[in-house]
Amino acid sequence: MQIVIALAFAAVVLFGADRLMLWLESRGHVRWRRKGRRDLSLEPRATLDSLLAESSRR
């Protein structure tokens, strides 16, 4: 009986986590479930020199 309760509890936790992730995604907080992760190699690179140069121009 304890195993049945433990399995039911695990199923409820997984279902709740799934619903929470879907809700967060619908509000725009996360985006990896349906769209996949961003390819970071396509993102612009920021080096320390360029970051310091931008702050010194201000």
Protein backbone atom coordinates (compact mmCIF):
# COMPACT_ATOMS: atom_id res chain seq x y z
CA MET A 1 0.00 0.00 0.00
CA GLN A 2 2.88 2.37 0.77
CA ILE A 3 4.31 1.82 -2.71
CA VAL A 4 0.99 2.75 -4.28
CA ILE A 5 0.84 5.95 -2.23
CA ALA A 6 4.46 6.80 -3.15
CA LEU A 7 3.82 6.23 -6.86
CA ALA A 8 0.63 8.29 -6.73
CA PHE A 9 2.47 11.09 -4.95
CA ALA A 10 5.27 11.00 -7.55
CA ALA A 11 2.71 11.13 -10.36
CA VAL A 12 0.97 14.13 -8.76
CA VAL A 13 4.29 15.96 -8.34
CA LEU A 14 5.30 15.32 -11.97
CA PHE A 15 1.89 16.39 -13.25
CA GLY A 16 2.02 19.54 -11.13
CA ALA A 17 5.52 20.38 -12.36
CA ASP A 18 4.39 19.89 -15.96
CA ARG A 19 1.39 22.20 -15.48
CA LEU A 20 3.62 24.79 -13.76
CA MET A 21 6.09 24.75 -16.67
CA LEU A 22 3.27 25.16 -19.20
CA TRP A 23 1.84 28.07 -17.20
CA LEU A 24 5.25 29.76 -16.93
CA GLU A 25 5.80 29.27 -20.65
CA SER A 26 2.43 30.80 -21.50
CA ARG A 27 3.35 33.88 -19.46
CA GLY A 28 6.71 34.20 -21.23
CA HIS A 29 8.97 33.26 -18.32
CA VAL A 30 10.45 30.15 -19.94
CA ARG A 31 10.71 29.18 -23.59
CA TRP A 32 12.62 25.92 -23.98
CA ARG A 33 9.82 23.38 -24.06
CA ARG A 34 8.29 23.96 -27.49
CA LYS A 35 10.84 26.16 -29.18
CA GLY A 36 14.03 24.44 -28.09
CA ARG A 37 17.07 26.06 -26.61
CA ARG A 38 18.71 29.03 -28.28
CA ASP A 39 21.88 28.33 -30.21
CA LEU A 40 24.35 30.49 -28.30
CA SER A 41 26.88 30.34 -31.11
CA LEU A 42 24.50 32.52 -33.18
CA GLU A 43 24.23 35.18 -30.45
CA PRO A 44 26.53 38.22 -30.61
CA ARG A 45 29.65 37.90 -28.54
CA ALA A 46 30.56 40.41 -25.88
CA THR A 47 34.18 40.69 -24.87
CA LEU A 48 35.49 42.52 -21.87
CA ASP A 49 37.17 45.11 -24.10
CA SER A 50 33.93 45.95 -25.91
CA LEU A 51 32.00 46.16 -22.64
CA LEU A 52 34.56 48.55 -21.15
CA ALA A 53 34.66 50.64 -24.34
CA GLU A 54 30.87 51.09 -24.29
CA SER A 55 30.85 52.20 -20.64
CA SER A 56 33.67 54.70 -21.19
CA ARG A 57 31.77 56.41 -24.06
CA ARG A 58 28.89 57.43 -21.79
